[in-house]
Amino acid sequence: MYTITGTFTLASGVEGSSTDCHGTGGYDDIRANLAVIVRSGDGEIIATGSLGKGVFPPGAGHTCAFPMTIAVPKSDFYSIEVGHRGELTYSFDDMVARGWTVALTIGQ
């Protein structure tokens, strides 16, 4: 097993406090516990998880960052989808080169 860690950052439509933020308006689905699905290259769901509590990162302006940690089996490709916001796909070699860390952003 491998562990994908990272953040999902919302750059618009944000409200809340520095220790508990979430999306509003067209982003109101983006909040803690939103589903994260990881699929293999053939589209099979191989792991699921959820976003952690959103926080305003120091010096990052009015953005809300949600942590995520998901254990995954070995696969040639990993397609990561947060909620219904589309997938980003990485090869196994990409993930190794990234140290199994991803930084996803929406709303710029």
C-alpha atoms as a PDB file:
ATOM      1  CA  MET A   1       0.000   0.000   0.000  1.00  0.00           C
ATOM      2  CA  TYR A   2       0.965   3.606  -0.606  1.00  0.00           C
ATOM      3  CA  THR A   3      -0.375   6.775   0.998  1.00  0.00           C
ATOM      4  CA  ILE A   4      -1.405   9.823  -1.028  1.00  0.00           C
ATOM      5  CA  THR A   5      -1.331  12.990   1.067  1.00  0.00           C
ATOM      6  CA  GLY A   6      -2.031  16.531   0.074  1.00  0.00           C
ATOM      7  CA  THR A   7      -4.367  19.466   0.033  1.00  0.00           C
ATOM      8  CA  PHE A   8      -7.426  20.532  -1.896  1.00  0.00           C
ATOM      9  CA  THR A   9      -7.484  24.341  -1.954  1.00  0.00           C
ATOM     10  CA  LEU A  10     -10.538  26.459  -2.658  1.00  0.00           C
ATOM     11  CA  ALA A  11      -9.465  29.864  -4.008  1.00  0.00           C
ATOM     12  CA  SER A  12     -12.914  31.545  -4.407  1.00  0.00           C
ATOM     13  CA  GLY A  13     -16.283  31.471  -2.699  1.00  0.00           C
ATOM     14  CA  VAL A  14     -14.832  30.935   0.758  1.00  0.00           C
ATOM     15  CA  GLU A  15     -16.280  31.746   4.167  1.00  0.00           C
ATOM     16  CA  GLY A  16     -15.665  30.738   7.756  1.00  0.00           C
ATOM     17  CA  SER A  17     -12.966  31.232  10.341  1.00  0.00           C
ATOM     18  CA  SER A  18      -9.222  30.657  10.158  1.00  0.00           C
ATOM     19  CA  THR A  19      -9.697  27.228  11.746  1.00  0.00           C
ATOM     20  CA  ASP A  20     -12.898  26.118   9.996  1.00  0.00           C
ATOM     21  CA  CYS A  21     -13.625  27.382   6.470  1.00  0.00           C
ATOM     22  CA  HIS A  22     -15.773  26.038   3.622  1.00  0.00           C
ATOM     23  CA  GLY A  23     -17.139  26.966   0.218  1.00  0.00           C
ATOM     24  CA  THR A  24     -20.189  29.125  -0.546  1.00  0.00           C
ATOM     25  CA  GLY A  25     -22.319  29.869  -3.598  1.00  0.00           C
ATOM     26  CA  GLY A  26     -21.293  27.587  -6.440  1.00  0.00           C
ATOM     27  CA  TYR A  27     -18.738  25.966  -4.147  1.00  0.00           C
ATOM     28  CA  ASP A  28     -21.055  25.227  -1.208  1.00  0.00           C
ATOM     29  CA  ASP A  29     -20.441  21.478  -1.592  1.00  0.00           C
ATOM     30  CA  ILE A  30     -16.768  21.957  -0.729  1.00  0.00           C
ATOM     31  CA  ARG A  31     -16.363  21.373   2.985  1.00  0.00           C
ATOM     32  CA  ALA A  32     -14.923  18.887   5.457  1.00  0.00           C
ATOM     33  CA  ASN A  33     -15.906  15.257   4.809  1.00  0.00           C
ATOM     34  CA  LEU A  34     -16.461  15.760   1.058  1.00  0.00           C
ATOM     35  CA  ALA A  35     -15.736  12.435  -0.653  1.00  0.00           C
ATOM     36  CA  VAL A  36     -12.391  11.797  -2.357  1.00  0.00           C
ATOM     37  CA  ILE A  37     -12.373   8.894  -4.810  1.00  0.00           C
ATOM     38  CA  VAL A  38      -9.281   7.329  -6.357  1.00  0.00           C
ATOM     39  CA  ARG A  39      -9.628   5.220  -9.484  1.00  0.00           C
ATOM     40  CA  SER A  40      -7.126   3.023 -11.309  1.00  0.00           C
ATOM     41  CA  GLY A  41      -6.237   3.555 -14.949  1.00  0.00           C
ATOM     42  CA  ASP A  42      -9.159   1.358 -16.032  1.00  0.00           C
ATOM     43  CA  GLY A  43     -11.663   3.400 -13.991  1.00  0.00           C
ATOM     44  CA  GLU A  44     -12.083   0.972 -11.092  1.00  0.00           C
ATOM     45  CA  ILE A  45     -12.485   2.594  -7.666  1.00  0.00           C
ATOM     46  CA  ILE A  46      -9.450   1.490  -5.656  1.00  0.00           C
ATOM     47  CA  ALA A  47      -9.721   3.794  -2.631  1.00  0.00           C
ATOM     48  CA  THR A  48     -11.992   6.344  -1.000  1.00  0.00           C
ATOM     49  CA  GLY A  49     -11.512   8.967   1.648  1.00  0.00           C
ATOM     50  CA  SER A  50     -12.690  12.440   2.551  1.00  0.00           C
ATOM     51  CA  LEU A  51     -11.419  15.966   3.033  1.00  0.00           C
ATOM     52  CA  GLY A  52     -10.368  17.093   6.497  1.00  0.00           C
ATOM     53  CA  LYS A  53     -11.417  20.371   8.104  1.00  0.00           C
ATOM     54  CA  GLY A  54     -10.658  23.442   5.999  1.00  0.00           C
ATOM     55  CA  VAL A  55      -8.292  26.150   7.294  1.00  0.00           C
ATOM     56  CA  PHE A  56      -7.008  29.484   5.976  1.00  0.00           C
ATOM     57  CA  PRO A  57      -3.272  28.874   5.366  1.00  0.00           C
ATOM     58  CA  PRO A  58      -1.023  31.676   6.689  1.00  0.00           C
ATOM     59  CA  GLY A  59       0.003  34.068   3.919  1.00  0.00           C
ATOM     60  CA  ALA A  60      -2.202  32.404   1.293  1.00  0.00           C
ATOM     61  CA  GLY A  61      -4.830  35.129   1.066  1.00  0.00           C
ATOM     62  CA  HIS A  62      -8.488  34.236   1.376  1.00  0.00           C
ATOM     63  CA  THR A  63      -8.195  30.584   0.374  1.00  0.00           C
ATOM     64  CA  CYS A  64      -9.398  27.510   2.242  1.00  0.00           C
ATOM     65  CA  ALA A  65      -7.163  24.424   2.316  1.00  0.00           C
ATOM     66  CA  PHE A  66      -8.486  20.952   3.127  1.00  0.00           C
ATOM     67  CA  PRO A  67      -6.049  18.142   4.002  1.00  0.00           C
ATOM     68  CA  MET A  68      -6.494  14.637   2.640  1.00  0.00           C
ATOM     69  CA  THR A  69      -4.788  11.304   3.241  1.00  0.00           C
ATOM     70  CA  ILE A  70      -5.758   8.175   1.309  1.00  0.00           C
ATOM     71  CA  ALA A  71      -4.149   4.724   1.335  1.00  0.00           C
ATOM     72  CA  VAL A  72      -4.014   3.204  -2.150  1.00  0.00           C
ATOM     73  CA  PRO A  73      -2.771  -0.060  -3.660  1.00  0.00           C
ATOM     74  CA  LYS A  74      -0.183  -0.125  -6.436  1.00  0.00           C
ATOM     75  CA  SER A  75      -1.635   0.911  -9.788  1.00  0.00           C
ATOM     76  CA  ASP A  76      -0.206   2.140 -13.092  1.00  0.00           C
ATOM     77  CA  PHE A  77      -2.379   5.278 -12.826  1.00  0.00           C
ATOM     78  CA  TYR A  78      -4.304   7.140 -10.118  1.00  0.00           C
ATOM     79  CA  SER A  79      -7.272   9.381 -10.978  1.00  0.00           C
ATOM     80  CA  ILE A  80      -8.190  11.537  -7.983  1.00  0.00           C
ATOM     81  CA  GLU A  81     -11.640  13.129  -7.810  1.00  0.00           C
ATOM     82  CA  VAL A  82     -12.872  15.409  -5.029  1.00  0.00           C
ATOM     83  CA  GLY A  83     -16.674  15.502  -4.902  1.00  0.00           C
ATOM     84  CA  HIS A  84     -17.979  15.942  -8.437  1.00  0.00           C
ATOM     85  CA  ARG A  85     -15.220  18.381  -9.436  1.00  0.00           C
ATOM     86  CA  GLY A  86     -13.475  16.280 -12.081  1.00  0.00           C
ATOM     87  CA  GLU A  87     -10.469  14.003 -11.962  1.00  0.00           C
ATOM     88  CA  LEU A  88      -6.753  14.616 -12.129  1.00  0.00           C
ATOM     89  CA  THR A  89      -4.686  11.639 -13.223  1.00  0.00           C
ATOM     90  CA  TYR A  90      -1.119  10.766 -12.253  1.00  0.00           C
ATOM     91  CA  SER A  91       1.002   7.796 -13.252  1.00  0.00           C
ATOM     92  CA  PHE A  92       2.680   5.621 -10.628  1.00  0.00           C
ATOM     93  CA  ASP A  93       6.020   7.190 -11.625  1.00  0.00           C
ATOM     94  CA  ASP A  94       4.515  10.700 -11.237  1.00  0.00           C
ATOM     95  CA  MET A  95       3.372   9.848  -7.716  1.00  0.00           C
ATOM     96  CA  VAL A  96       6.783   8.471  -6.764  1.00  0.00           C
ATOM     97  CA  ALA A  97       8.471  11.620  -8.126  1.00  0.00           C
ATOM     98  CA  ARG A  98       6.018  13.789  -6.134  1.00  0.00           C
ATOM     99  CA  GLY A  99       6.692  11.859  -2.939  1.00  0.00           C
ATOM    100  CA  TRP A 100       3.043  10.696  -2.976  1.00  0.00           C
ATOM    101  CA  THR A 101       1.910  14.295  -2.372  1.00  0.00           C
ATOM    102  CA  VAL A 102      -0.615  16.252  -4.437  1.00  0.00           C
ATOM    103  CA  ALA A 103      -1.824  19.851  -4.284  1.00  0.00           C
ATOM    104  CA  LEU A 104      -5.164  20.407  -6.025  1.00  0.00           C
ATOM    105  CA  THR A 105      -6.772  23.858  -6.434  1.00  0.00           C
ATOM    106  CA  ILE A 106     -10.179  25.008  -7.658  1.00  0.00           C
ATOM    107  CA  GLY A 107     -11.773  28.421  -8.087  1.00  0.00           C
ATOM    108  CA  GLN A 108      -8.947  30.552  -9.401  1.00  0.00           C
END
